[in-house]
């Protein structure tokens, strides 16, 4: 009888520990923005456009795929 109570108690504790905390994994990176939050202001549109221009200066694009090396 005591063994069954201990097993149930340990199983209950393990179940509550394994399923209790899921929100701590939902952390937003500081370098990434949510798409909905980015386009709420004029400054957000400017930041998105800056990211596009920065990506276009990448060595794999400039002078290669965008011009002669198709």
N, C-alpha and C. Protein backbone atom coordinates (compact mmCIF):
# COMPACT_ATOMS: atom_id res chain seq x y z
N UNK A 1 0.83 -1.19 0.00
CA UNK A 1 0.00 0.00 0.00
C UNK A 1 0.87 1.26 0.00
N UNK A 2 1.92 1.31 0.82
CA UNK A 2 2.81 2.47 0.86
C UNK A 2 3.59 2.59 -0.44
N UNK A 3 3.96 1.46 -1.02
CA UNK A 3 4.71 1.49 -2.26
C UNK A 3 3.86 2.08 -3.38
N UNK A 4 2.59 1.73 -3.40
CA UNK A 4 1.68 2.25 -4.43
C UNK A 4 1.49 3.76 -4.26
N UNK A 5 1.40 4.23 -3.03
CA UNK A 5 1.25 5.67 -2.77
C UNK A 5 2.50 6.42 -3.22
N UNK A 6 3.68 5.87 -2.92
CA UNK A 6 4.93 6.51 -3.33
C UNK A 6 5.05 6.56 -4.85
N UNK A 7 4.66 5.50 -5.52
CA UNK A 7 4.74 5.47 -6.99
C UNK A 7 3.78 6.50 -7.58
N UNK A 8 2.56 6.57 -7.05
CA UNK A 8 1.60 7.55 -7.54
C UNK A 8 2.06 8.98 -7.25
N UNK A 9 2.67 9.19 -6.10
CA UNK A 9 3.17 10.52 -5.74
C UNK A 9 4.31 10.94 -6.67
N UNK A 10 5.25 10.05 -6.92
CA UNK A 10 6.37 10.34 -7.83
C UNK A 10 5.86 10.56 -9.25
N UNK A 11 4.92 9.74 -9.68
CA UNK A 11 4.36 9.89 -11.02
C UNK A 11 3.62 11.22 -11.15
N UNK A 12 2.90 11.62 -10.13
CA UNK A 12 2.19 12.90 -10.15
C UNK A 12 3.14 14.08 -10.19
N UNK A 13 4.22 13.99 -9.40
CA UNK A 13 5.21 15.07 -9.40
C UNK A 13 5.91 15.17 -10.75
N UNK A 14 6.29 14.03 -11.30
CA UNK A 14 6.94 14.05 -12.62
C UNK A 14 6.00 14.58 -13.70
N UNK A 15 4.75 14.18 -13.66
CA UNK A 15 3.78 14.65 -14.64
C UNK A 15 3.60 16.16 -14.55
N UNK A 16 3.52 16.69 -13.32
CA UNK A 16 3.33 18.13 -13.16
C UNK A 16 4.59 18.91 -13.55
N UNK A 17 5.76 18.33 -13.33
CA UNK A 17 7.00 19.01 -13.71
C UNK A 17 7.21 19.02 -15.22
N UNK A 18 6.84 17.95 -15.87
CA UNK A 18 7.08 17.85 -17.31
C UNK A 18 6.06 18.61 -18.14
N UNK A 19 4.88 18.84 -17.62
CA UNK A 19 3.84 19.52 -18.39
C UNK A 19 3.52 20.90 -17.85
N UNK A 20 4.17 21.33 -16.82
CA UNK A 20 3.80 22.58 -16.17
C UNK A 20 4.34 23.84 -16.83
N UNK A 21 5.53 23.83 -17.34
CA UNK A 21 6.16 25.05 -17.85
C UNK A 21 6.42 24.93 -19.35
N UNK A 22 5.61 25.64 -20.10
CA UNK A 22 5.83 25.68 -21.53
C UNK A 22 6.12 27.09 -22.02
N UNK A 23 5.77 28.10 -21.27
CA UNK A 23 5.93 29.48 -21.71
C UNK A 23 7.38 29.95 -21.68
N UNK A 24 8.23 29.33 -20.93
CA UNK A 24 9.61 29.80 -20.86
C UNK A 24 10.37 29.51 -22.15
N UNK A 25 9.81 28.67 -23.00
CA UNK A 25 10.43 28.41 -24.30
C UNK A 25 10.03 29.45 -25.34
N UNK A 26 8.99 30.22 -25.10
CA UNK A 26 8.49 31.21 -26.04
C UNK A 26 9.18 32.56 -25.82
N UNK A 27 10.46 32.62 -26.09
CA UNK A 27 11.24 33.84 -25.91
C UNK A 27 11.56 34.40 -27.29
N UNK A 28 11.27 35.69 -27.50
CA UNK A 28 11.58 36.34 -28.77
C UNK A 28 13.02 36.80 -28.77
N UNK A 29 13.72 36.54 -29.86
CA UNK A 29 15.10 36.99 -29.98
C UNK A 29 15.12 38.50 -30.17
N UNK A 30 16.15 39.15 -29.63
CA UNK A 30 16.22 40.60 -29.73
C UNK A 30 16.53 41.06 -31.15
N UNK A 31 17.09 40.20 -31.97
CA UNK A 31 17.41 40.57 -33.34
C UNK A 31 16.26 40.31 -34.30
N UNK A 32 15.20 39.68 -33.84
CA UNK A 32 14.06 39.38 -34.70
C UNK A 32 12.83 40.11 -34.18
N UNK A 33 12.06 40.64 -35.12
CA UNK A 33 10.85 41.35 -34.77
C UNK A 33 9.65 40.61 -35.33
N UNK A 34 8.53 40.78 -34.67
CA UNK A 34 7.29 40.21 -35.17
C UNK A 34 6.82 41.03 -36.36
N UNK A 35 6.35 40.37 -37.39
CA UNK A 35 5.92 41.04 -38.62
C UNK A 35 4.80 42.04 -38.35
N UNK A 36 3.89 41.70 -37.46
CA UNK A 36 2.77 42.61 -37.16
C UNK A 36 3.24 43.84 -36.40
N UNK A 37 4.22 43.68 -35.53
CA UNK A 37 4.74 44.82 -34.77
C UNK A 37 5.62 45.71 -35.63
N UNK A 38 6.28 45.15 -36.63
CA UNK A 38 7.21 45.91 -37.46
C UNK A 38 6.49 46.94 -38.31
N UNK A 39 5.38 46.58 -38.89
CA UNK A 39 4.69 47.47 -39.82
C UNK A 39 3.60 48.32 -39.17
N UNK A 40 3.66 48.51 -37.87
CA UNK A 40 2.69 49.37 -37.20
C UNK A 40 3.07 50.84 -37.28
N UNK A 41 4.33 51.13 -37.55
CA UNK A 41 4.76 52.52 -37.59
C UNK A 41 5.59 52.78 -38.86
N UNK A 42 5.79 54.05 -39.13
CA UNK A 42 6.59 54.44 -40.30
C UNK A 42 8.05 54.01 -40.12
N UNK A 43 8.53 54.05 -38.92
CA UNK A 43 9.90 53.64 -38.63
C UNK A 43 10.08 52.14 -38.92
N UNK A 44 9.06 51.35 -38.70
CA UNK A 44 9.13 49.92 -38.99
C UNK A 44 9.29 49.65 -40.47
N UNK A 45 8.60 50.42 -41.31
CA UNK A 45 8.74 50.26 -42.75
C UNK A 45 10.17 50.62 -43.18
N UNK A 46 10.73 51.66 -42.58
CA UNK A 46 12.11 52.03 -42.90
C UNK A 46 13.10 50.95 -42.51
N UNK A 47 12.88 50.32 -41.37
CA UNK A 47 13.76 49.24 -40.94
C UNK A 47 13.66 48.03 -41.86
N UNK A 48 12.45 47.74 -42.32
CA UNK A 48 12.28 46.62 -43.24
C UNK A 48 12.98 46.90 -44.58
N UNK A 49 12.87 48.12 -45.07
CA UNK A 49 13.52 48.50 -46.31
C UNK A 49 15.03 48.49 -46.18
N UNK A 50 15.53 48.90 -45.02
CA UNK A 50 16.97 48.83 -44.77
C UNK A 50 17.46 47.40 -44.78
N UNK A 51 16.67 46.48 -44.23
CA UNK A 51 17.04 45.07 -44.26
C UNK A 51 17.07 44.51 -45.67
N UNK A 52 16.15 44.97 -46.52
CA UNK A 52 16.15 44.51 -47.92
C UNK A 52 17.39 45.00 -48.63
N UNK A 53 17.73 46.28 -48.46
CA UNK A 53 18.92 46.82 -49.12
C UNK A 53 20.19 46.16 -48.59
N UNK A 54 20.24 45.86 -47.31
CA UNK A 54 21.42 45.20 -46.75
C UNK A 54 21.57 43.80 -47.31
N UNK A 55 20.46 43.11 -47.51
CA UNK A 55 20.51 41.76 -48.08
C UNK A 55 20.94 41.79 -49.55
N UNK A 56 20.61 42.87 -50.27
CA UNK A 56 20.98 42.98 -51.67
C UNK A 56 22.48 43.22 -51.85
N UNK A 57 23.18 43.66 -50.82
CA UNK A 57 24.62 43.90 -50.90
C UNK A 57 25.43 42.65 -50.61
N UNK A 58 24.77 41.54 -50.38
CA UNK A 58 25.47 40.29 -50.08
C UNK A 58 26.31 39.86 -51.27
N UNK A 59 27.47 39.30 -51.02
CA UNK A 59 28.39 38.90 -52.09
C UNK A 59 27.79 37.85 -53.01
N UNK A 60 26.89 37.04 -52.50
CA UNK A 60 26.30 36.01 -53.36
C UNK A 60 25.34 36.62 -54.38
N UNK A 61 24.85 37.84 -54.14
CA UNK A 61 23.93 38.47 -55.07
C UNK A 61 24.61 39.51 -55.95
N UNK A 62 25.36 40.38 -55.35
CA UNK A 62 25.93 41.51 -56.07
C UNK A 62 26.97 41.03 -57.08
N UNK A 63 26.73 41.29 -58.34
CA UNK A 63 27.67 40.91 -59.37
C UNK A 63 27.61 39.45 -59.75
N UNK A 64 26.64 38.74 -59.24
CA UNK A 64 26.51 37.33 -59.58
C UNK A 64 25.11 37.03 -60.05
N UNK A 65 24.25 36.63 -59.17
CA UNK A 65 22.91 36.21 -59.57
C UNK A 65 22.04 37.37 -60.08
N UNK A 66 22.31 38.58 -59.65
CA UNK A 66 21.49 39.70 -60.10
C UNK A 66 21.95 40.27 -61.43
N UNK A 67 23.11 39.88 -61.93
CA UNK A 67 23.57 40.45 -63.21
C UNK A 67 23.92 39.37 -64.21
N UNK A 68 25.14 38.88 -64.21
CA UNK A 68 25.60 38.04 -65.30
C UNK A 68 25.64 36.56 -65.01
N UNK A 69 25.69 36.15 -63.79
CA UNK A 69 25.85 34.72 -63.46
C UNK A 69 24.51 34.12 -63.12
N UNK A 70 23.70 33.89 -64.11
CA UNK A 70 22.35 33.37 -63.88
C UNK A 70 22.36 31.86 -63.85
